[in-house]
Amino acid sequence: MSQTFVEKAGDQIAESIYEASGVTAEAAEAVAEGVKAARCAAHHGCEAAEDFVHSSTMRIQRNPLTATAAALVAGLALGTLAGLSLRRK
């Protein structure tokens, strides 16, 4: 017995819905993997920042005069650059 047009259309719709649900599941999995990767990257970034702050604190405690001199030179350089850029306008 041959299928009618309505039966064929119903089969096609059911197949399309099944395929769409598979694509939706794959998209959800890809999003979940992306979120996991972003959280991992944020965690590693946070650890790197903590390590940087800790090492900077230790370096300043070991050499306070060098740290003060470096901050003074950096401040003077930035101040000079800011003054020159404002004067040119």
Protein backbone atom coordinates (compact mmCIF):
# COMPACT_ATOMS: atom_id res chain seq x y z
CA MET A 1 0.00 0.00 0.00
CA SER A 2 1.44 3.32 -1.00
CA GLN A 3 1.58 6.21 1.46
CA THR A 4 -0.56 9.22 0.91
CA PHE A 5 0.86 12.71 0.65
CA VAL A 6 -0.22 13.52 4.22
CA GLU A 7 1.49 10.43 5.62
CA LYS A 8 4.72 11.26 3.77
CA ALA A 9 4.59 14.83 5.03
CA GLY A 10 4.01 13.56 8.59
CA ASP A 11 7.02 11.26 8.31
CA GLN A 12 9.17 14.10 7.00
CA ILE A 13 8.07 16.37 9.85
CA ALA A 14 8.82 13.69 12.44
CA GLU A 15 12.27 13.11 10.95
CA SER A 16 12.98 16.85 10.90
CA ILE A 17 11.98 17.17 14.55
CA TYR A 18 14.23 14.25 15.48
CA GLU A 19 17.19 15.79 13.65
CA ALA A 20 16.51 19.20 15.21
CA SER A 21 16.55 17.71 18.69
CA GLY A 22 19.94 16.14 17.94
CA VAL A 23 21.33 19.47 16.76
CA THR A 24 19.94 21.16 19.86
CA ALA A 25 21.66 18.63 22.11
CA GLU A 26 24.97 19.14 20.29
CA ALA A 27 24.65 22.91 20.61
CA ALA A 28 23.92 22.62 24.32
CA GLU A 29 26.99 20.41 24.77
CA ALA A 30 29.17 22.91 22.88
CA VAL A 31 27.92 25.76 25.06
CA ALA A 32 28.60 23.74 28.21
CA GLU A 33 32.14 23.01 27.05
CA GLY A 34 32.66 26.71 26.30
CA VAL A 35 31.47 27.70 29.76
CA LYS A 36 33.78 25.12 31.33
CA ALA A 37 36.75 26.44 29.33
CA ALA A 38 35.94 30.04 30.30
CA ARG A 39 35.75 29.14 33.99
CA CYS A 40 39.06 27.29 33.75
CA ALA A 41 40.71 30.28 32.06
CA ALA A 42 39.32 32.65 34.68
CA HIS A 43 40.61 30.41 37.47
CA HIS A 44 44.09 30.27 35.93
CA GLY A 45 44.06 34.05 35.46
CA CYS A 46 43.10 34.57 39.08
CA GLU A 47 45.92 32.29 40.23
CA ALA A 48 48.42 34.15 38.03
CA ALA A 49 47.30 37.50 39.46
CA GLU A 50 47.66 36.21 43.02
CA ASP A 51 51.15 34.91 42.24
CA PHE A 52 52.11 38.27 40.73
CA VAL A 53 50.86 40.20 43.76
CA HIS A 54 52.66 37.83 46.12
CA SER A 55 55.97 38.02 44.25
CA SER A 56 55.71 41.80 43.97
CA THR A 57 55.06 42.11 47.70
CA MET A 58 58.04 39.93 48.51
CA ARG A 59 60.30 41.89 46.14
CA ILE A 60 59.22 45.20 47.71
CA GLN A 61 59.79 43.86 51.23
CA ARG A 62 63.30 42.65 50.30
CA ASN A 63 64.31 45.87 48.47
CA PRO A 64 62.20 48.80 49.72
CA LEU A 65 64.60 51.53 48.52
CA THR A 66 64.79 50.11 45.00
CA ALA A 67 61.00 49.84 44.86
CA THR A 68 60.59 53.43 46.05
CA ALA A 69 63.12 54.69 43.51
CA ALA A 70 61.41 52.78 40.70
CA ALA A 71 58.03 54.24 41.67
CA LEU A 72 59.52 57.75 41.79
CA VAL A 73 61.10 57.40 38.34
CA ALA A 74 57.89 55.99 36.87
CA GLY A 75 55.85 58.83 38.37
CA LEU A 76 58.24 61.47 37.05
CA ALA A 77 58.23 59.91 33.59
CA LEU A 78 54.44 59.76 33.44
CA GLY A 79 54.15 63.29 34.77
CA THR A 80 56.59 64.58 32.18
CA LEU A 81 54.75 62.81 29.36
CA ALA A 82 51.40 64.15 30.57
CA GLY A 83 52.81 67.68 30.82
CA LEU A 84 54.29 67.53 27.34
CA SER A 85 51.09 66.18 25.79
CA LEU A 86 48.99 68.91 27.45
CA ARG A 87 51.41 71.64 26.38
CA ARG A 88 51.25 70.60 22.70
CA LYS A 89 47.49 71.00 22.51
